[in-house]
Protein backbone atom coordinates (compact mmCIF):
# COMPACT_ATOMS: atom_id res chain seq x y z
CA MET A 1 0.00 0.00 0.00
CA TRP A 2 1.22 3.47 -0.79
CA SER A 3 1.58 5.82 2.13
CA LYS A 4 -0.69 8.85 2.46
CA LYS A 5 2.34 11.09 1.90
CA TRP A 6 3.02 9.47 -1.48
CA ILE A 7 -0.64 9.77 -2.48
CA SER A 8 -0.70 13.44 -1.47
CA ALA A 9 2.51 14.09 -3.40
CA LEU A 10 1.09 12.43 -6.52
CA GLN A 11 -2.12 14.43 -6.20
CA ILE A 12 -0.13 17.67 -6.00
CA LEU A 13 1.99 16.62 -8.99
CA PHE A 14 -1.17 15.81 -10.99
CA VAL A 15 -2.67 19.19 -10.18
CA LEU A 16 0.54 20.97 -11.24
CA VAL A 17 0.72 19.03 -14.51
CA PHE A 18 -2.99 19.65 -15.18
CA PHE A 19 -2.70 23.37 -14.68
CA HIS A 20 0.48 23.51 -16.76
CA CYS A 21 -1.35 21.79 -19.62
CA GLN A 22 -4.36 24.07 -19.15
CA ALA A 23 -2.39 27.31 -18.97
CA SER A 24 -4.01 30.63 -19.67
CA ALA A 25 -2.87 34.08 -20.72
CA HIS A 26 -4.61 37.17 -19.37
CA TYR A 27 -4.66 40.60 -21.01
CA HIS A 28 -6.32 43.86 -20.08
CA TRP A 29 -6.88 46.29 -22.93
CA VAL A 30 -8.04 49.88 -22.81
CA VAL A 31 -9.55 51.22 -26.03
CA LYS A 32 -8.88 54.96 -26.21
CA GLU A 33 -8.09 57.77 -28.59
CA ALA A 34 -4.47 58.72 -29.20
CA THR A 35 -2.87 61.39 -31.36
CA TYR A 36 -0.75 60.32 -34.32
CA THR A 37 0.91 62.18 -37.18
CA ARG A 38 1.15 60.62 -40.63
CA LEU A 39 1.31 62.05 -44.16
CA CYS A 40 2.01 65.61 -42.95
CA SER A 41 -1.09 65.88 -40.75
CA THR A 42 -2.12 65.02 -37.20
CA LYS A 43 -5.35 63.48 -35.95
CA LYS A 44 -6.78 61.33 -33.18
CA ILE A 45 -7.41 57.66 -33.85
CA LEU A 46 -9.00 54.89 -31.81
CA THR A 47 -6.31 52.56 -30.44
CA VAL A 48 -5.77 49.70 -28.02
CA ASP A 49 -3.61 50.93 -25.13
CA GLY A 50 -2.68 53.98 -27.19
CA LYS A 51 -0.67 51.86 -29.65
CA PHE A 52 -0.72 51.85 -33.45
CA PRO A 53 -0.34 49.05 -34.41
CA GLY A 54 -1.99 47.45 -31.39
CA PRO A 55 -0.51 45.05 -28.81
CA ILE A 56 0.55 41.47 -29.50
CA LEU A 57 -1.12 38.41 -27.98
CA ARG A 58 1.35 35.67 -26.99
CA ALA A 59 0.42 32.15 -25.94
CA TYR A 60 1.49 28.53 -26.17
CA LYS A 61 -0.50 26.02 -28.19
CA GLY A 62 -3.43 24.81 -26.11
CA ASP A 63 -3.53 27.88 -23.88
CA THR A 64 -6.73 29.79 -23.22
CA ILE A 65 -6.51 33.55 -23.74
CA TYR A 66 -8.65 35.87 -21.63
CA VAL A 67 -8.92 39.48 -22.74
CA ASN A 68 -10.70 42.10 -20.64
CA VAL A 69 -11.55 45.15 -22.74
CA HIS A 70 -12.44 48.57 -21.33
CA ASN A 71 -13.89 51.02 -23.84
CA GLY A 72 -12.56 54.49 -23.09
CA GLY A 73 -13.49 55.84 -26.50
CA ARG A 74 -16.42 57.96 -27.69
CA TYR A 75 -18.23 55.25 -29.65
CA ASN A 76 -19.78 51.87 -29.01
CA ILE A 77 -17.46 49.21 -30.41
CA THR A 78 -17.06 45.56 -31.16
CA ILE A 79 -13.57 44.12 -31.10
CA HIS A 80 -12.06 41.08 -32.76
CA VAL A 81 -8.51 40.00 -33.45
CA HIS A 82 -6.95 38.89 -36.73
CA GLY A 83 -3.41 39.25 -35.39
CA ALA A 84 -0.81 39.64 -34.24
CA ILE A 85 -1.22 36.46 -32.22
CA PHE A 86 2.07 34.68 -31.58
CA VAL A 87 1.43 30.99 -30.86
CA TYR A 88 4.41 29.01 -29.59
CA PRO A 89 4.75 25.20 -29.53
CA LYS A 90 3.61 23.35 -26.42
CA SER A 91 6.20 22.95 -23.68
CA GLY A 92 8.53 20.08 -24.56
CA THR A 93 7.87 20.36 -28.29
CA SER A 94 9.43 22.46 -31.02
CA TYR A 95 8.63 24.12 -34.32
CA PRO A 96 8.56 21.75 -37.34
CA PHE A 97 11.26 23.95 -38.89
CA PRO A 98 14.68 25.25 -37.74
CA LYS A 99 14.31 27.38 -34.63
CA PRO A 100 14.64 31.05 -35.61
CA HIS A 101 17.10 33.32 -33.86
CA HIS A 102 14.55 36.13 -33.62
CA GLU A 103 10.88 36.79 -34.37
CA VAL A 104 9.54 40.06 -35.74
CA PRO A 105 5.93 41.24 -36.12
CA ILE A 106 5.20 42.74 -39.54
CA ILE A 107 1.79 44.42 -39.42
CA LEU A 108 0.48 45.55 -42.81
CA ALA A 109 -2.21 48.18 -42.32
CA GLU A 110 -3.46 51.43 -43.84
CA TRP A 111 -3.97 55.10 -43.06
CA TRP A 112 -6.67 57.62 -43.93
CA LYS A 113 -6.13 61.35 -43.66
CA LYS A 114 -9.85 61.75 -42.94
CA ASP A 115 -11.48 60.73 -39.70
CA VAL A 116 -12.27 57.04 -40.18
CA MET A 117 -15.74 57.59 -38.70
CA GLU A 118 -16.47 59.90 -41.64
CA VAL A 119 -15.24 57.18 -43.99
CA LEU A 120 -17.54 54.67 -42.29
CA GLU A 121 -20.55 57.00 -42.31
CA GLU A 122 -20.15 57.71 -46.02
CA PHE A 123 -19.71 54.00 -46.73
CA VAL A 124 -22.96 53.16 -44.89
CA ARG A 125 -24.86 56.11 -46.37
CA THR A 126 -24.02 55.41 -50.02
CA GLY A 127 -23.82 51.62 -50.01
CA GLY A 128 -20.86 51.80 -52.37
CA ALA A 129 -17.25 50.91 -51.75
CA PRO A 130 -15.53 52.78 -48.90
CA ASN A 131 -13.15 55.58 -49.79
CA VAL A 132 -9.71 54.16 -50.44
CA SER A 133 -6.99 54.78 -47.89
CA ASP A 134 -4.26 57.36 -48.44
CA ALA A 135 -1.42 54.99 -47.57
CA TYR A 136 -0.53 51.47 -46.58
CA THR A 137 1.74 51.03 -43.58
CA ILE A 138 4.31 48.57 -42.27
CA ASN A 139 4.35 48.51 -38.47
CA GLY A 140 2.49 51.79 -38.41
CA GLN A 141 4.67 53.73 -40.87
CA PRO A 142 3.92 54.46 -44.56
CA GLY A 143 7.58 54.41 -45.61
CA ASP A 144 9.92 56.28 -47.93
CA LEU A 145 7.57 56.66 -50.91
CA TYR A 146 5.01 58.84 -49.10
CA PRO A 147 5.28 62.52 -48.12
CA CYS A 148 6.53 63.44 -44.62
CA SER A 149 7.30 59.78 -43.87
CA LYS A 150 10.92 58.99 -44.70
CA SER A 151 12.38 59.89 -41.31
CA GLU A 152 9.98 57.53 -39.52
CA THR A 153 10.21 54.53 -41.88
CA PHE A 154 10.28 51.26 -39.92
CA LYS A 155 13.79 49.75 -39.91
CA LEU A 156 14.58 46.16 -39.03
CA SER A 157 18.19 45.82 -37.87
CA VAL A 158 19.51 42.32 -38.60
CA SER A 159 22.71 40.34 -38.13
CA GLN A 160 24.23 38.44 -41.02
CA ASN A 161 23.55 34.71 -41.38
CA LYS A 162 20.70 34.60 -38.89
CA THR A 163 17.14 33.34 -39.29
CA TYR A 164 14.25 35.69 -38.53
CA LEU A 165 10.65 34.53 -38.19
CA LEU A 166 8.47 37.23 -39.71
CA ARG A 167 4.98 37.15 -38.18
CA ILE A 168 3.12 38.88 -41.00
CA VAL A 169 -0.47 40.11 -40.61
CA ASN A 170 -2.63 41.76 -43.27
CA ALA A 171 -4.69 44.22 -41.22
CA VAL A 172 -5.82 46.15 -44.31
CA MET A 173 -9.61 46.42 -44.58
CA ASN A 174 -10.31 45.14 -48.10
CA GLU A 175 -7.18 44.53 -50.14
CA ILE A 176 -5.12 41.43 -50.84
CA LEU A 177 -1.45 42.43 -50.69
CA PHE A 178 1.78 41.32 -52.32
CA PHE A 179 4.77 41.45 -49.94
CA ALA A 180 8.49 40.86 -50.53
CA VAL A 181 12.00 41.63 -49.27
CA ALA A 182 14.61 42.69 -51.82
CA ASN A 183 17.23 40.03 -52.70
CA HIS A 184 15.93 37.68 -50.00
CA LYS A 185 13.83 34.56 -50.28
CA LEU A 186 10.97 34.00 -47.85
CA THR A 187 10.12 30.52 -46.60
CA VAL A 188 6.46 30.33 -45.61
CA VAL A 189 5.99 27.88 -42.71
CA ALA A 190 2.52 28.71 -41.36
CA THR A 191 -0.67 30.55 -42.15
CA ASP A 192 -3.50 31.41 -39.76
CA ALA A 193 -1.82 29.45 -36.93
CA SER A 194 -1.56 26.24 -38.99
CA TYR A 195 1.79 24.89 -40.12
CA THR A 196 2.34 24.51 -43.85
CA LYS A 197 4.81 22.59 -45.92
CA PRO A 198 7.76 25.00 -46.25
CA ILE A 199 7.49 27.09 -49.41
CA GLU A 200 10.46 29.13 -50.60
CA THR A 201 9.24 32.14 -52.55
CA ASP A 202 10.27 35.57 -53.82
CA TYR A 203 7.00 37.12 -52.62
CA ILE A 204 3.88 36.26 -50.67
CA THR A 205 0.21 37.02 -51.34
CA ILE A 206 -1.75 37.67 -48.17
CA SER A 207 -5.50 38.28 -47.80
CA PRO A 208 -7.24 40.76 -45.47
CA GLY A 209 -7.32 39.39 -41.93
CA GLN A 210 -4.84 36.63 -42.77
CA SER A 211 -1.66 35.93 -40.82
CA MET A 212 1.40 34.26 -42.26
CA ASP A 213 4.72 33.13 -40.76
CA ALA A 214 7.77 33.28 -43.01
CA LEU A 215 11.46 32.64 -42.35
CA LEU A 216 13.91 35.28 -43.55
CA VAL A 217 17.56 34.19 -43.69
CA THR A 218 19.97 37.13 -43.74
CA ASN A 219 22.47 35.55 -46.11
CA GLN A 220 23.07 38.51 -48.43
CA GLN A 221 25.85 41.06 -48.58
CA PRO A 222 25.61 43.59 -45.73
CA GLY A 223 23.53 46.50 -46.90
CA ARG A 224 20.04 47.98 -46.87
CA TYR A 225 17.09 46.25 -48.49
CA TYR A 226 13.49 47.36 -48.83
CA MET A 227 10.62 45.19 -47.72
CA ALA A 228 7.52 46.39 -49.54
CA ALA A 229 3.81 45.71 -49.96
CA ARG A 230 1.18 46.79 -52.45
CA ALA A 231 -2.33 45.75 -53.44
CA TYR A 232 -3.52 43.03 -55.75
CA SER A 233 -6.79 44.08 -57.41
CA THR A 234 -8.40 43.15 -60.72
CA ASN A 235 -11.78 44.91 -60.52
CA ALA A 236 -11.38 48.10 -62.52
CA GLN A 237 -14.80 49.35 -61.34
CA ILE A 238 -13.84 49.45 -57.66
CA GLY A 239 -11.19 51.94 -56.61
CA PHE A 240 -8.26 50.84 -54.48
CA ASP A 241 -5.11 52.28 -52.99
CA ASN A 242 -2.47 51.67 -55.67
CA THR A 243 0.47 52.92 -53.61
CA THR A 244 3.39 50.99 -52.13
CA THR A 245 4.48 50.92 -48.50
CA THR A 246 8.09 50.21 -47.57
CA ALA A 247 10.28 49.39 -44.60
CA ILE A 248 14.03 48.74 -44.52
CA VAL A 249 15.97 45.61 -43.60
CA GLU A 250 19.31 46.96 -42.42
CA TYR A 251 22.36 44.76 -41.77
CA ASN A 252 23.97 45.95 -38.55
CA THR A 253 27.57 45.71 -39.76
CA GLY A 254 27.64 49.50 -40.05
CA GLY A 255 29.06 51.79 -42.68
CA THR A 256 26.22 51.27 -45.19
CA THR A 257 24.49 54.44 -46.34
CA SER A 258 23.52 53.47 -49.88
CA SER A 259 19.91 53.61 -51.03
CA PRO A 260 18.01 50.39 -50.28
CA LEU A 261 17.44 47.91 -53.08
CA PHE A 262 13.80 47.49 -54.10
CA PRO A 263 12.16 44.03 -54.25
CA TYR A 264 10.30 42.44 -57.11
CA LEU A 265 6.55 42.73 -56.59
CA PRO A 266 3.99 41.39 -59.07
CA SER A 267 1.86 43.92 -60.91
CA TYR A 268 -1.32 44.98 -59.10
CA ASN A 269 -3.47 42.94 -61.54
CA ASP A 270 -1.23 39.86 -61.85
CA THR A 271 -3.79 37.15 -61.17
CA ASN A 272 -1.38 34.36 -62.10
CA ALA A 273 1.08 35.51 -59.45
CA ALA A 274 -1.63 35.64 -56.78
CA PHE A 275 -3.15 32.26 -57.66
CA ASN A 276 0.23 30.56 -58.08
CA PHE A 277 1.13 31.54 -54.54
CA PHE A 278 -2.20 30.58 -52.98
CA GLY A 279 -2.15 27.29 -54.88
CA SER A 280 1.26 26.42 -53.47
CA LEU A 281 0.06 26.44 -49.85
CA LYS A 282 -0.25 22.91 -48.46
CA SER A 283 -0.92 21.85 -44.88
CA LEU A 284 1.84 20.03 -43.03
CA ALA A 285 0.83 16.44 -42.29
CA PHE A 286 1.47 15.06 -38.81
CA GLY A 287 1.21 11.53 -37.46
CA SER A 288 -2.42 11.91 -36.41
CA THR A 289 -5.37 13.31 -38.31
CA GLU A 290 -8.05 15.64 -37.02
CA GLY A 291 -10.91 13.35 -37.96
CA VAL A 292 -12.29 15.60 -40.68
CA PRO A 293 -15.62 14.26 -42.02
CA LYS A 294 -15.11 12.67 -45.43
CA LYS A 295 -18.75 12.17 -46.41
CA ILE A 296 -20.41 15.35 -47.65
CA THR A 297 -24.18 15.39 -47.17
CA THR A 298 -25.00 19.02 -47.93
CA ARG A 299 -23.36 21.55 -50.20
CA ILE A 300 -23.81 25.25 -49.47
CA VAL A 301 -22.96 27.99 -51.96
CA SER A 302 -22.46 31.46 -50.49
CA THR A 303 -22.42 34.47 -52.80
CA GLN A 304 -20.93 37.80 -51.78
CA PHE A 305 -20.91 40.98 -53.81
CA GLN A 306 -20.05 44.64 -53.52
CA SER A 307 -22.05 47.36 -55.20
CA THR A 308 -20.09 49.63 -57.51
CA HIS A 309 -22.85 52.24 -57.55
CA SER A 310 -24.06 54.54 -54.84
CA LEU A 311 -27.38 53.46 -53.38
CA ALA A 312 -28.10 57.11 -52.72
CA GLN A 313 -28.39 57.60 -56.48
CA LYS A 314 -31.06 54.92 -56.78
CA ILE A 315 -33.06 55.09 -53.56
CA LYS A 316 -34.79 58.37 -52.83
CA HIS A 317 -36.82 57.36 -49.81
CA VAL A 318 -36.26 54.37 -47.55
CA LYS A 319 -38.15 53.40 -44.40
CA ASP A 320 -37.06 50.95 -41.73
CA PRO A 321 -39.28 47.91 -40.84
CA MET A 322 -41.18 50.08 -38.34
CA GLY A 323 -42.06 52.62 -41.02
CA HIS A 324 -39.64 55.30 -39.84
CA ASP A 325 -37.42 57.31 -42.17
């Protein structure tokens, strides 16, 4: 018979192991207005904890994340997260690819000179496409190709012959983006928190709300290299922001002041480039399957569309279901 002390010790050990496996991460966010200057003008924007881009969520696979949100802004809000969410392997396991030396968030977003509430109100009022943004941004900065932006361009300082895990998020509202780093290959290893078969590529194509992990190996001559992003769009009837945002990958060997090299990016309407990339993404198979149903009993077709004409031009008088204007 085991002694009571041994039983108590095993019970304590079980509880510790259980809580380790059921770990949780807690965050407290305050939504509030903060003042930012971009594109030669200053305005207040709604932020999380005063940050643009917002904070990063970090957790290990299997963790439960609790987020307490306090709205200190002027408007009622809903909040959801596309990224950046950094998910690490469970304790005792590793990535299914070489462990990177560093990880870097790359948040692709956009900037309007106008108050975004005005953009939203016009969008709702007309029923057409929202006004296009005035700039795309990388980690909150438009980059060298926009006015009043060059001094604040995001710079990533790197060491030679190291591996960097770029945690890329497309936080742009409507546009698919092409993204690349000059003279460097990217190896895509995950998308939307699911590992993929490694894909070495000159560029990536990333959809709105999508996250993508890519390895960047700094194996080039010390220097300065642009990373850049611009839109992919083929609908000539819907306007889009056809500008290019840039950041700089800067080798930290010093003494380099030359202009950064620019990467190859597909043309904005290069459908083959977009589809070739998306078609190359394959999930990484593990020893066990997830038990996905193989027998399909019902097929559902969902159709989405966007009006290219202002509803205000067609509808003169509209009442709600209660008969009110």
